[in-house]
Amino acid sequence: VFACGNVLHVHDLVDFVSEEAERAGQNA
């Protein structure tokens, strides 16, 4: 079970959300 984006912690830039989510997707 992986987590990413604002469910994990509230971001200020959506660009960081995408970057973090890609890590979650690759690792899943």
PDB file of all heavy atoms in Angstrom:
ATOM      1  N   VAL A   1       0.862  -1.184   0.000  1.00  0.00           N
ATOM      2  CA  VAL A   1       0.000   0.000   0.000  1.00  0.00           C
ATOM      3  C   VAL A   1       0.900   1.237   0.000  1.00  0.00           C
ATOM      4  O   VAL A   1       1.683   1.438   0.933  1.00  0.00           O
ATOM      5  CB  VAL A   1      -0.962   0.026   1.211  1.00  0.00           C
ATOM      6  CG1 VAL A   1      -1.794   1.314   1.196  1.00  0.00           C
ATOM      7  CG2 VAL A   1      -1.878  -1.190   1.184  1.00  0.00           C
ATOM      8  N   PHE A   2       0.782   2.040  -1.047  1.00  0.00           N
ATOM      9  CA  PHE A   2       1.635   3.209  -1.240  1.00  0.00           C
ATOM     10  C   PHE A   2       0.794   4.484  -1.122  1.00  0.00           C
ATOM     11  O   PHE A   2      -0.431   4.453  -1.259  1.00  0.00           O
ATOM     12  CB  PHE A   2       2.316   3.141  -2.614  1.00  0.00           C
ATOM     13  CG  PHE A   2       3.193   1.924  -2.791  1.00  0.00           C
ATOM     14  CD1 PHE A   2       2.640   0.680  -3.094  1.00  0.00           C
ATOM     15  CD2 PHE A   2       4.560   2.010  -2.651  1.00  0.00           C
ATOM     16  CE1 PHE A   2       3.438  -0.454  -3.248  1.00  0.00           C
ATOM     17  CE2 PHE A   2       5.373   0.882  -2.806  1.00  0.00           C
ATOM     18  CZ  PHE A   2       4.807  -0.337  -3.097  1.00  0.00           C
ATOM     19  N   ALA A   3       1.444   5.608  -0.883  1.00  0.00           N
ATOM     20  CA  ALA A   3       0.732   6.884  -0.755  1.00  0.00           C
ATOM     21  C   ALA A   3       1.536   7.984  -1.426  1.00  0.00           C
ATOM     22  O   ALA A   3       2.777   7.946  -1.439  1.00  0.00           O
ATOM     23  CB  ALA A   3       0.481   7.226   0.716  1.00  0.00           C
ATOM     24  N   CYS A   4       0.837   8.982  -1.953  1.00  0.00           N
ATOM     25  CA  CYS A   4       1.517  10.096  -2.606  1.00  0.00           C
ATOM     26  C   CYS A   4       0.589  11.301  -2.696  1.00  0.00           C
ATOM     27  O   CYS A   4      -0.632  11.189  -2.597  1.00  0.00           O
ATOM     28  CB  CYS A   4       1.971   9.704  -4.017  1.00  0.00           C
ATOM     29  SG  CYS A   4       0.637   9.086  -5.074  1.00  0.00           S
ATOM     30  N   GLY A   5       1.207  12.473  -2.896  1.00  0.00           N
ATOM     31  CA  GLY A   5       0.414  13.697  -3.057  1.00  0.00           C
ATOM     32  C   GLY A   5      -0.105  14.246  -1.750  1.00  0.00           C
ATOM     33  O   GLY A   5       0.458  13.993  -0.675  1.00  0.00           O
ATOM     34  N   ASN A   6      -1.216  14.956  -1.816  1.00  0.00           N
ATOM     35  CA  ASN A   6      -1.736  15.652  -0.643  1.00  0.00           C
ATOM     36  C   ASN A   6      -2.346  14.733   0.401  1.00  0.00           C
ATOM     37  O   ASN A   6      -2.619  15.171   1.513  1.00  0.00           O
ATOM     38  CB  ASN A   6      -2.773  16.696  -1.070  1.00  0.00           C
ATOM     39  CG  ASN A   6      -2.128  17.960  -1.595  1.00  0.00           C
ATOM     40  OD1 ASN A   6      -0.899  18.095  -1.619  1.00  0.00           O
ATOM     41  ND2 ASN A   6      -2.924  18.908  -2.023  1.00  0.00           N
ATOM     42  N   VAL A   7      -2.568  13.465   0.068  1.00  0.00           N
ATOM     43  CA  VAL A   7      -3.034  12.526   1.082  1.00  0.00           C
ATOM     44  C   VAL A   7      -1.895  12.199   2.053  1.00  0.00           C
ATOM     45  O   VAL A   7      -2.117  11.764   3.178  1.00  0.00           O
ATOM     46  CB  VAL A   7      -3.596  11.233   0.441  1.00  0.00           C
ATOM     47  CG1 VAL A   7      -2.470  10.266   0.047  1.00  0.00           C
ATOM     48  CG2 VAL A   7      -4.567  10.530   1.369  1.00  0.00           C
ATOM     49  N   LEU A   8      -0.678  12.425   1.599  1.00  0.00           N
ATOM     50  CA  LEU A   8       0.525  12.138   2.384  1.00  0.00           C
ATOM     51  C   LEU A   8       0.927  13.345   3.217  1.00  0.00           C
ATOM     52  O   LEU A   8       1.146  13.243   4.419  1.00  0.00           O
ATOM     53  CB  LEU A   8       1.635  11.730   1.426  1.00  0.00           C
ATOM     54  CG  LEU A   8       2.944  11.210   1.968  1.00  0.00           C
ATOM     55  CD1 LEU A   8       2.712  10.027   2.865  1.00  0.00           C
ATOM     56  CD2 LEU A   8       3.863  10.832   0.792  1.00  0.00           C
ATOM     57  N   HIS A   9       1.049  14.479   2.579  1.00  0.00           N
ATOM     58  CA  HIS A   9       1.280  15.769   3.248  1.00  0.00           C
ATOM     59  C   HIS A   9       0.897  16.860   2.264  1.00  0.00           C
ATOM     60  O   HIS A   9       1.003  16.682   1.051  1.00  0.00           O
ATOM     61  CB  HIS A   9       2.734  15.921   3.732  1.00  0.00           C
ATOM     62  CG  HIS A   9       3.770  15.821   2.649  1.00  0.00           C
ATOM     63  ND1 HIS A   9       4.945  16.549   2.649  1.00  0.00           N
ATOM     64  CD2 HIS A   9       3.835  15.069   1.514  1.00  0.00           C
ATOM     65  CE1 HIS A   9       5.659  16.240   1.580  1.00  0.00           C
ATOM     66  NE2 HIS A   9       5.019  15.369   0.878  1.00  0.00           N
ATOM     67  N   VAL A  10       0.455  17.987   2.772  1.00  0.00           N
ATOM     68  CA  VAL A  10      -0.076  19.051   1.922  1.00  0.00           C
ATOM     69  C   VAL A  10       1.069  19.763   1.215  1.00  0.00           C
ATOM     70  O   VAL A  10       1.961  20.326   1.854  1.00  0.00           O
ATOM     71  CB  VAL A  10      -0.919  20.042   2.742  1.00  0.00           C
ATOM     72  CG1 VAL A  10      -1.416  21.169   1.845  1.00  0.00           C
ATOM     73  CG2 VAL A  10      -2.109  19.325   3.389  1.00  0.00           C
ATOM     74  N   HIS A  11       1.021  19.736  -0.111  1.00  0.00           N
ATOM     75  CA  HIS A  11       2.059  20.355  -0.928  1.00  0.00           C
ATOM     76  C   HIS A  11       1.732  21.807  -1.219  1.00  0.00           C
ATOM     77  O   HIS A  11       0.574  22.233  -1.138  1.00  0.00           O
ATOM     78  CB  HIS A  11       2.211  19.610  -2.261  1.00  0.00           C
ATOM     79  CG  HIS A  11       2.844  18.260  -2.127  1.00  0.00           C
ATOM     80  ND1 HIS A  11       2.225  17.206  -1.517  1.00  0.00           N
ATOM     81  CD2 HIS A  11       4.061  17.787  -2.525  1.00  0.00           C
ATOM     82  CE1 HIS A  11       3.032  16.148  -1.549  1.00  0.00           C
ATOM     83  NE2 HIS A  11       4.132  16.474  -2.153  1.00  0.00           N
ATOM     84  N   ASP A  12       2.751  22.554  -1.638  1.00  0.00           N
ATOM     85  CA  ASP A  12       2.526  23.920  -2.109  1.00  0.00           C
ATOM     86  C   ASP A  12       2.511  23.984  -3.636  1.00  0.00           C
ATOM     87  O   ASP A  12       1.845  24.843  -4.201  1.00  0.00           O
ATOM     88  CB  ASP A  12       3.567  24.890  -1.546  1.00  0.00           C
ATOM     89  CG  ASP A  12       5.011  24.400  -1.713  1.00  0.00           C
ATOM     90  OD1 ASP A  12       5.218  23.295  -2.258  1.00  0.00           O
ATOM     91  OD2 ASP A  12       5.937  25.107  -1.283  1.00  0.00           O
ATOM     92  N   LEU A  13       3.223  23.068  -4.309  1.00  0.00           N
ATOM     93  CA  LEU A  13       3.268  23.062  -5.769  1.00  0.00           C
ATOM     94  C   LEU A  13       2.832  21.704  -6.306  1.00  0.00           C
ATOM     95  O   LEU A  13       3.298  20.668  -5.833  1.00  0.00           O
ATOM     96  CB  LEU A  13       4.681  23.362  -6.273  1.00  0.00           C
ATOM     97  CG  LEU A  13       5.258  24.752  -5.935  1.00  0.00           C
ATOM     98  CD1 LEU A  13       6.686  24.854  -6.441  1.00  0.00           C
ATOM     99  CD2 LEU A  13       4.406  25.857  -6.517  1.00  0.00           C
ATOM    100  N   VAL A  14       1.970  21.733  -7.315  1.00  0.00           N
ATOM    101  CA  VAL A  14       1.481  20.484  -7.901  1.00  0.00           C
ATOM    102  C   VAL A  14       2.606  19.755  -8.638  1.00  0.00           C
ATOM    103  O   VAL A  14       2.571  18.524  -8.783  1.00  0.00           O
ATOM    104  CB  VAL A  14       0.271  20.744  -8.829  1.00  0.00           C
ATOM    105  CG1 VAL A  14       0.715  21.411 -10.127  1.00  0.00           C
ATOM    106  CG2 VAL A  14      -0.477  19.459  -9.124  1.00  0.00           C
ATOM    107  N   ASP A  15       3.609  20.481  -9.094  1.00  0.00           N
ATOM    108  CA  ASP A  15       4.744  19.852  -9.755  1.00  0.00           C
ATOM    109  C   ASP A  15       5.419  18.819  -8.837  1.00  0.00           C
ATOM    110  O   ASP A  15       5.846  17.758  -9.277  1.00  0.00           O
ATOM    111  CB  ASP A  15       5.758  20.909 -10.179  1.00  0.00           C
ATOM    112  CG  ASP A  15       5.142  22.033 -11.002  1.00  0.00           C
ATOM    113  OD1 ASP A  15       4.279  22.758 -10.472  1.00  0.00           O
ATOM    114  OD2 ASP A  15       5.491  22.183 -12.170  1.00  0.00           O
ATOM    115  N   PHE A  16       5.514  19.156  -7.541  1.00  0.00           N
ATOM    116  CA  PHE A  16       6.099  18.216  -6.572  1.00  0.00           C
ATOM    117  C   PHE A  16       5.174  17.015  -6.348  1.00  0.00           C
ATOM    118  O   PHE A  16       5.635  15.904  -6.104  1.00  0.00           O
ATOM    119  CB  PHE A  16       6.381  18.917  -5.246  1.00  0.00           C
ATOM    120  CG  PHE A  16       7.468  19.954  -5.313  1.00  0.00           C
ATOM    121  CD1 PHE A  16       7.407  21.094  -4.526  1.00  0.00           C
ATOM    122  CD2 PHE A  16       8.550  19.796  -6.169  1.00  0.00           C
ATOM    123  CE1 PHE A  16       8.407  22.048  -4.578  1.00  0.00           C
ATOM    124  CE2 PHE A  16       9.562  20.757  -6.227  1.00  0.00           C
ATOM    125  CZ  PHE A  16       9.489  21.865  -5.434  1.00  0.00           C
ATOM    126  N   VAL A  17       3.866  17.260  -6.408  1.00  0.00           N
ATOM    127  CA  VAL A  17       2.899  16.164  -6.276  1.00  0.00           C
ATOM    128  C   VAL A  17       3.143  15.129  -7.375  1.00  0.00           C
ATOM    129  O   VAL A  17       3.215  13.922  -7.113  1.00  0.00           O
ATOM    130  CB  VAL A  17       1.446  16.697  -6.348  1.00  0.00           C
ATOM    131  CG1 VAL A  17       0.449  15.546  -6.492  1.00  0.00           C
ATOM    132  CG2 VAL A  17       1.113  17.536  -5.126  1.00  0.00           C
ATOM    133  N   SER A  18       3.277  15.609  -8.606  1.00  0.00           N
ATOM    134  CA  SER A  18       3.495  14.702  -9.734  1.00  0.00           C
ATOM    135  C   SER A  18       4.796  13.923  -9.570  1.00  0.00           C
ATOM    136  O   SER A  18       4.853  12.720  -9.816  1.00  0.00           O
ATOM    137  CB  SER A  18       3.522  15.486 -11.054  1.00  0.00           C
ATOM    138  OG  SER A  18       2.318  16.195 -11.256  1.00  0.00           O
ATOM    139  N   GLU A  19       5.841  14.619  -9.146  1.00  0.00           N
ATOM    140  CA  GLU A  19       7.151  13.976  -8.964  1.00  0.00           C
ATOM    141  C   GLU A  19       7.073  12.870  -7.910  1.00  0.00           C
ATOM    142  O   GLU A  19       7.583  11.763  -8.104  1.00  0.00           O
ATOM    143  CB  GLU A  19       8.164  15.046  -8.552  1.00  0.00           C
ATOM    144  CG  GLU A  19       9.590  14.563  -8.424  1.00  0.00           C
ATOM    145  CD  GLU A  19      10.488  15.709  -7.941  1.00  0.00           C
ATOM    146  OE1 GLU A  19      10.460  16.797  -8.558  1.00  0.00           O
ATOM    147  OE2 GLU A  19      11.191  15.514  -6.934  1.00  0.00           O
ATOM    148  N   GLU A  20       6.433  13.178  -6.794  1.00  0.00           N
ATOM    149  CA  GLU A  20       6.282  12.224  -5.697  1.00  0.00           C
ATOM    150  C   GLU A  20       5.414  11.032  -6.115  1.00  0.00           C
ATOM    151  O   GLU A  20       5.711   9.884  -5.789  1.00  0.00           O
ATOM    152  CB  GLU A  20       5.644  12.954  -4.511  1.00  0.00           C
ATOM    153  CG  GLU A  20       5.679  12.245  -3.189  1.00  0.00           C
ATOM    154  CD  GLU A  20       5.106  13.171  -2.123  1.00  0.00           C
ATOM    155  OE1 GLU A  20       3.875  13.168  -1.931  1.00  0.00           O
ATOM    156  OE2 GLU A  20       5.868  13.910  -1.509  1.00  0.00           O
ATOM    157  N   ALA A  21       4.348  11.317  -6.862  1.00  0.00           N
ATOM    158  CA  ALA A  21       3.431  10.274  -7.315  1.00  0.00           C
ATOM    159  C   ALA A  21       4.121   9.315  -8.286  1.00  0.00           C
ATOM    160  O   ALA A  21       3.854   8.113  -8.284  1.00  0.00           O
ATOM    161  CB  ALA A  21       2.206  10.900  -7.968  1.00  0.00           C
ATOM    162  N   GLU A  22       4.991   9.845  -9.119  1.00  0.00           N
ATOM    163  CA  GLU A  22       5.724   8.977 -10.051  1.00  0.00           C
ATOM    164  C   GLU A  22       6.604   7.984  -9.303  1.00  0.00           C
ATOM    165  O   GLU A  22       6.709   6.819  -9.691  1.00  0.00           O
ATOM    166  CB  GLU A  22       6.540   9.824 -11.018  1.00  0.00           C
ATOM    167  CG  GLU A  22       5.654  10.482 -12.075  1.00  0.00           C
ATOM    168  CD  GLU A  22       6.376  11.494 -12.923  1.00  0.00           C
ATOM    169  OE1 GLU A  22       7.423  12.016 -12.498  1.00  0.00           O
ATOM    170  OE2 GLU A  22       5.872  11.798 -14.017  1.00  0.00           O
ATOM    171  N   ARG A  23       7.223   8.440  -8.223  1.00  0.00           N
ATOM    172  CA  ARG A  23       8.003   7.519  -7.388  1.00  0.00           C
ATOM    173  C   ARG A  23       7.114   6.416  -6.828  1.00  0.00           C
ATOM    174  O   ARG A  23       7.482   5.233  -6.837  1.00  0.00           O
ATOM    175  CB  ARG A  23       8.679   8.282  -6.245  1.00  0.00           C
ATOM    176  CG  ARG A  23       9.944   9.003  -6.643  1.00  0.00           C
ATOM    177  CD  ARG A  23      10.423   9.947  -5.573  1.00  0.00           C
ATOM    178  NE  ARG A  23      10.539   9.346  -4.250  1.00  0.00           N
ATOM    179  CZ  ARG A  23      10.634  10.068  -3.126  1.00  0.00           C
ATOM    180  NH1 ARG A  23      10.591  11.392  -3.170  1.00  0.00           N
ATOM    181  NH2 ARG A  23      10.767   9.461  -1.974  1.00  0.00           N
ATOM    182  N   ALA A  24       5.920   6.804  -6.357  1.00  0.00           N
ATOM    183  CA  ALA A  24       4.987   5.812  -5.806  1.00  0.00           C
ATOM    184  C   ALA A  24       4.560   4.822  -6.884  1.00  0.00           C
ATOM    185  O   ALA A  24       4.504   3.606  -6.641  1.00  0.00           O
ATOM    186  CB  ALA A  24       3.762   6.509  -5.209  1.00  0.00           C
ATOM    187  N   GLY A  25       4.264   5.326  -8.090  1.00  0.00           N
ATOM    188  CA  GLY A  25       3.848   4.461  -9.188  1.00  0.00           C
ATOM    189  C   GLY A  25       4.940   3.493  -9.609  1.00  0.00           C
ATOM    190  O   GLY A  25       4.699   2.294  -9.820  1.00  0.00           O
ATOM    191  N   GLN A  26       6.171   3.994  -9.716  1.00  0.00           N
ATOM    192  CA  GLN A  26       7.304   3.144 -10.098  1.00  0.00           C
ATOM    193  C   GLN A  26       7.555   2.056  -9.054  1.00  0.00           C
ATOM    194  O   GLN A  26       7.770   0.886  -9.397  1.00  0.00           O
ATOM    195  CB  GLN A  26       8.553   4.003 -10.265  1.00  0.00           C
ATOM    196  CG  GLN A  26       8.512   4.926 -11.482  1.00  0.00           C
ATOM    197  CD  GLN A  26       9.493   6.075 -11.380  1.00  0.00           C
ATOM    198  OE1 GLN A  26      10.218   6.207 -10.398  1.00  0.00           O
ATOM    199  NE2 GLN A  26       9.517   6.932 -12.393  1.00  0.00           N
ATOM    200  N   ASN A  27       7.486   2.441  -7.774  1.00  0.00           N
ATOM    201  CA  ASN A  27       7.759   1.474  -6.712  1.00  0.00           C
ATOM    202  C   ASN A  27       6.628   0.457  -6.567  1.00  0.00           C
ATOM    203  O   ASN A  27       6.876  -0.711  -6.256  1.00  0.00           O
ATOM    204  CB  ASN A  27       7.999   2.204  -5.389  1.00  0.00           C
ATOM    205  CG  ASN A  27       9.323   2.962  -5.387  1.00  0.00           C
ATOM    206  OD1 ASN A  27      10.338   2.455  -5.851  1.00  0.00           O
ATOM    207  ND2 ASN A  27       9.325   4.182  -4.882  1.00  0.00           N
ATOM    208  N   ALA A  28       5.377   0.897  -6.801  1.00  0.00           N
ATOM    209  CA  ALA A  28       4.257  -0.043  -6.775  1.00  0.00           C
ATOM    210  C   ALA A  28       4.402  -1.064  -7.901  1.00  0.00           C
ATOM    211  O   ALA A  28       4.127  -2.256  -7.713  1.00  0.00           O
ATOM    212  CB  ALA A  28       2.931   0.715  -6.901  1.00  0.00           C
TER     213      ALA A  28
END
